[in-house]
Amino acid sequence: MIGPGKKWEKLPLTKNGKPIKHDMHVKTGDKVVVVAGADKGTVGDVTKVYPKTGKVVVSGVNMVTKHEKPRVQGETGEILRREGPIASSNVMHWDAEKKVRSRVGTRIEGGKKVRYLKKTDKVLD
């Protein structure tokens, strides 16, 4: 992770040359609350997960502006606003019914491994 170069050259690699993937406590579709940063307290759904970098994209959080040039002559450029990735450590699972954030655990129910919220004992899908 030293010096300039391509972003994939900065990722830590295994002995086989593959990027080391982070253990993620969230999955796509989980309802989370931001616990640190400029958008602290914002609740949203996880729309994308990046295990290689340990980041997640949450709807309505970390809005970034992208200026796009016109592609053909006569067309005007655009200013797009979309969600940017944030560190997965800055989000926690959210129980909308009880309005409380919680860590997530796993257990066996009916022969299947399920994820549940530790504070409210609610099973996640």
C-alpha atoms as a PDB file:
ATOM      1  CA  MET A   1       0.000   0.000   0.000  1.00  0.00           C
ATOM      2  CA  ILE A   2       2.859   2.356  -0.758  1.00  0.00           C
ATOM      3  CA  GLY A   3       2.988   4.980  -3.458  1.00  0.00           C
ATOM      4  CA  PRO A   4       0.863   5.719  -6.504  1.00  0.00           C
ATOM      5  CA  GLY A   5      -0.482   3.105  -8.852  1.00  0.00           C
ATOM      6  CA  LYS A   6      -3.626   1.233  -9.697  1.00  0.00           C
ATOM      7  CA  LYS A   7      -6.123   0.776  -6.882  1.00  0.00           C
ATOM      8  CA  TRP A   8      -5.940  -3.020  -7.129  1.00  0.00           C
ATOM      9  CA  GLU A   9      -2.158  -2.816  -6.649  1.00  0.00           C
ATOM     10  CA  LYS A  10      -2.727  -1.283  -3.215  1.00  0.00           C
ATOM     11  CA  LEU A  11      -4.927  -4.117  -1.867  1.00  0.00           C
ATOM     12  CA  PRO A  12      -3.310  -6.657   0.465  1.00  0.00           C
ATOM     13  CA  LEU A  13      -3.014 -10.015  -1.304  1.00  0.00           C
ATOM     14  CA  THR A  14      -2.948 -13.681  -0.304  1.00  0.00           C
ATOM     15  CA  LYS A  15      -0.034 -15.910  -1.254  1.00  0.00           C
ATOM     16  CA  ASN A  16      -1.975 -16.821  -4.425  1.00  0.00           C
ATOM     17  CA  GLY A  17      -2.194 -13.164  -5.465  1.00  0.00           C
ATOM     18  CA  LYS A  18      -5.921 -12.786  -4.710  1.00  0.00           C
ATOM     19  CA  PRO A  19      -7.217  -9.795  -2.673  1.00  0.00           C
ATOM     20  CA  ILE A  20      -7.901 -10.515   1.001  1.00  0.00           C
ATOM     21  CA  LYS A  21     -11.651 -10.241   1.599  1.00  0.00           C
ATOM     22  CA  HIS A  22     -12.967  -8.612   4.785  1.00  0.00           C
ATOM     23  CA  ASP A  23     -15.464 -10.372   7.013  1.00  0.00           C
ATOM     24  CA  MET A  24     -18.678  -8.370   6.595  1.00  0.00           C
ATOM     25  CA  HIS A  25     -21.418  -8.246   9.227  1.00  0.00           C
ATOM     26  CA  VAL A  26     -23.915  -6.734   6.776  1.00  0.00           C
ATOM     27  CA  LYS A  27     -25.452  -8.061   3.584  1.00  0.00           C
ATOM     28  CA  THR A  28     -27.295  -6.442   0.700  1.00  0.00           C
ATOM     29  CA  GLY A  29     -30.827  -5.507   1.786  1.00  0.00           C
ATOM     30  CA  ASP A  30     -30.084  -5.118   5.520  1.00  0.00           C
ATOM     31  CA  LYS A  31     -31.518  -2.062   7.279  1.00  0.00           C
ATOM     32  CA  VAL A  32     -28.689  -0.194   9.006  1.00  0.00           C
ATOM     33  CA  VAL A  33     -28.024   3.046  10.882  1.00  0.00           C
ATOM     34  CA  VAL A  34     -24.845   5.091  10.446  1.00  0.00           C
ATOM     35  CA  VAL A  35     -23.008   5.373  13.788  1.00  0.00           C
ATOM     36  CA  ALA A  36     -20.045   7.549  12.761  1.00  0.00           C
ATOM     37  CA  GLY A  37     -19.248  10.268  10.257  1.00  0.00           C
ATOM     38  CA  ALA A  38     -21.104  13.183   8.692  1.00  0.00           C
ATOM     39  CA  ASP A  39     -24.326  11.182   8.182  1.00  0.00           C
ATOM     40  CA  LYS A  40     -24.454   9.864  11.773  1.00  0.00           C
ATOM     41  CA  GLY A  41     -27.964   8.749  12.756  1.00  0.00           C
ATOM     42  CA  THR A  42     -29.204   8.219   9.187  1.00  0.00           C
ATOM     43  CA  VAL A  43     -31.125   4.984   8.570  1.00  0.00           C
ATOM     44  CA  GLY A  44     -31.042   3.274   5.169  1.00  0.00           C
ATOM     45  CA  ASP A  45     -30.797  -0.011   3.308  1.00  0.00           C
ATOM     46  CA  VAL A  46     -27.517  -1.557   2.188  1.00  0.00           C
ATOM     47  CA  THR A  47     -27.558  -1.515  -1.622  1.00  0.00           C
ATOM     48  CA  LYS A  48     -24.057  -2.793  -2.378  1.00  0.00           C
ATOM     49  CA  VAL A  49     -21.268  -4.556  -0.478  1.00  0.00           C
ATOM     50  CA  TYR A  50     -17.550  -4.444  -1.370  1.00  0.00           C
ATOM     51  CA  PRO A  51     -15.766  -7.242   0.575  1.00  0.00           C
ATOM     52  CA  LYS A  52     -12.368  -6.521  -1.023  1.00  0.00           C
ATOM     53  CA  THR A  53     -12.234  -3.036   0.544  1.00  0.00           C
ATOM     54  CA  GLY A  54     -14.584  -3.549   3.523  1.00  0.00           C
ATOM     55  CA  LYS A  55     -17.011  -0.854   2.367  1.00  0.00           C
ATOM     56  CA  VAL A  56     -20.778  -0.688   1.871  1.00  0.00           C
ATOM     57  CA  VAL A  57     -23.143   1.615  -0.009  1.00  0.00           C
ATOM     58  CA  VAL A  58     -26.202   2.715   1.991  1.00  0.00           C
ATOM     59  CA  SER A  59     -29.189   4.420   0.353  1.00  0.00           C
ATOM     60  CA  GLY A  60     -29.282   8.157   1.101  1.00  0.00           C
ATOM     61  CA  VAL A  61     -25.889   8.215   2.840  1.00  0.00           C
ATOM     62  CA  ASN A  62     -22.583   9.832   1.763  1.00  0.00           C
ATOM     63  CA  MET A  63     -24.004  11.581  -1.296  1.00  0.00           C
ATOM     64  CA  VAL A  64     -21.226  12.457  -3.762  1.00  0.00           C
ATOM     65  CA  THR A  65     -21.375  14.716  -6.816  1.00  0.00           C
ATOM     66  CA  LYS A  66     -20.092  13.527 -10.180  1.00  0.00           C
ATOM     67  CA  HIS A  67     -19.733  15.865 -13.157  1.00  0.00           C
ATOM     68  CA  GLU A  68     -20.192  14.095 -16.481  1.00  0.00           C
ATOM     69  CA  LYS A  69     -19.007  15.537 -19.771  1.00  0.00           C
ATOM     70  CA  PRO A  70     -21.268  15.512 -22.819  1.00  0.00           C
ATOM     71  CA  ARG A  71     -20.673  12.401 -24.923  1.00  0.00           C
ATOM     72  CA  VAL A  72     -21.767  13.726 -28.329  1.00  0.00           C
ATOM     73  CA  GLN A  73     -21.787  17.168 -29.906  1.00  0.00           C
ATOM     74  CA  GLY A  74     -24.845  19.254 -29.017  1.00  0.00           C
ATOM     75  CA  GLU A  75     -25.480  17.395 -25.752  1.00  0.00           C
ATOM     76  CA  THR A  76     -25.052  19.140 -22.406  1.00  0.00           C
ATOM     77  CA  GLY A  77     -23.115  17.760 -19.461  1.00  0.00           C
ATOM     78  CA  GLU A  78     -24.742  16.516 -16.275  1.00  0.00           C
ATOM     79  CA  ILE A  79     -24.182  16.807 -12.554  1.00  0.00           C
ATOM     80  CA  LEU A  80     -25.112  13.488 -10.936  1.00  0.00           C
ATOM     81  CA  ARG A  81     -25.637  12.869  -7.200  1.00  0.00           C
ATOM     82  CA  ARG A  82     -25.326   9.321  -5.902  1.00  0.00           C
ATOM     83  CA  GLU A  83     -24.331   7.379  -2.822  1.00  0.00           C
ATOM     84  CA  GLY A  84     -20.667   6.759  -2.155  1.00  0.00           C
ATOM     85  CA  PRO A  85     -19.222   3.842  -0.180  1.00  0.00           C
ATOM     86  CA  ILE A  86     -18.558   4.080   3.570  1.00  0.00           C
ATOM     87  CA  ALA A  87     -16.671   1.737   5.895  1.00  0.00           C
ATOM     88  CA  SER A  88     -18.740  -1.204   7.115  1.00  0.00           C
ATOM     89  CA  SER A  89     -17.512  -0.507  10.664  1.00  0.00           C
ATOM     90  CA  ASN A  90     -19.486   2.766  10.610  1.00  0.00           C
ATOM     91  CA  VAL A  91     -22.884   1.045  10.326  1.00  0.00           C
ATOM     92  CA  MET A  92     -24.945  -1.120  12.695  1.00  0.00           C
ATOM     93  CA  HIS A  93     -28.103  -3.126  12.123  1.00  0.00           C
ATOM     94  CA  TRP A  94     -31.362  -1.284  12.840  1.00  0.00           C
ATOM     95  CA  ASP A  95     -34.643  -2.622  14.210  1.00  0.00           C
ATOM     96  CA  ALA A  96     -37.327  -0.301  12.812  1.00  0.00           C
ATOM     97  CA  GLU A  97     -40.071  -1.596  15.146  1.00  0.00           C
ATOM     98  CA  LYS A  98     -38.234  -0.915  18.415  1.00  0.00           C
ATOM     99  CA  LYS A  99     -36.083   1.966  17.046  1.00  0.00           C
ATOM    100  CA  VAL A 100     -32.865   0.462  18.394  1.00  0.00           C
ATOM    101  CA  ARG A 101     -29.502  -0.472  16.863  1.00  0.00           C
ATOM    102  CA  SER A 102     -27.967  -3.835  17.573  1.00  0.00           C
ATOM    103  CA  ARG A 103     -25.115  -6.183  16.840  1.00  0.00           C
ATOM    104  CA  VAL A 104     -25.853  -9.331  14.878  1.00  0.00           C
ATOM    105  CA  GLY A 105     -25.389 -12.940  15.947  1.00  0.00           C
ATOM    106  CA  THR A 106     -25.907 -16.380  14.432  1.00  0.00           C
ATOM    107  CA  ARG A 107     -27.675 -19.465  15.723  1.00  0.00           C
ATOM    108  CA  ILE A 108     -29.177 -22.708  14.469  1.00  0.00           C
ATOM    109  CA  GLU A 109     -32.975 -22.784  14.081  1.00  0.00           C
ATOM    110  CA  GLY A 110     -34.698 -25.790  12.542  1.00  0.00           C
ATOM    111  CA  GLY A 111     -31.417 -27.147  11.209  1.00  0.00           C
ATOM    112  CA  LYS A 112     -30.582 -23.867   9.437  1.00  0.00           C
ATOM    113  CA  LYS A 113     -28.113 -21.167  10.423  1.00  0.00           C
ATOM    114  CA  VAL A 114     -29.887 -17.794  10.837  1.00  0.00           C
ATOM    115  CA  ARG A 115     -28.752 -14.265  11.676  1.00  0.00           C
ATOM    116  CA  TYR A 116     -30.524 -12.396  14.477  1.00  0.00           C
ATOM    117  CA  LEU A 117     -30.326  -9.054  16.276  1.00  0.00           C
ATOM    118  CA  LYS A 118     -28.815  -9.566  19.723  1.00  0.00           C
ATOM    119  CA  LYS A 119     -30.772  -6.778  21.472  1.00  0.00           C
ATOM    120  CA  THR A 120     -34.249  -7.593  20.185  1.00  0.00           C
ATOM    121  CA  ASP A 121     -33.813 -11.291  19.262  1.00  0.00           C
ATOM    122  CA  LYS A 122     -35.373 -10.563  15.834  1.00  0.00           C
ATOM    123  CA  VAL A 123     -34.382 -12.981  13.042  1.00  0.00           C
ATOM    124  CA  LEU A 124     -33.032 -11.318   9.885  1.00  0.00           C
ATOM    125  CA  ASP A 125     -34.054 -12.584   6.446  1.00  0.00           C
END
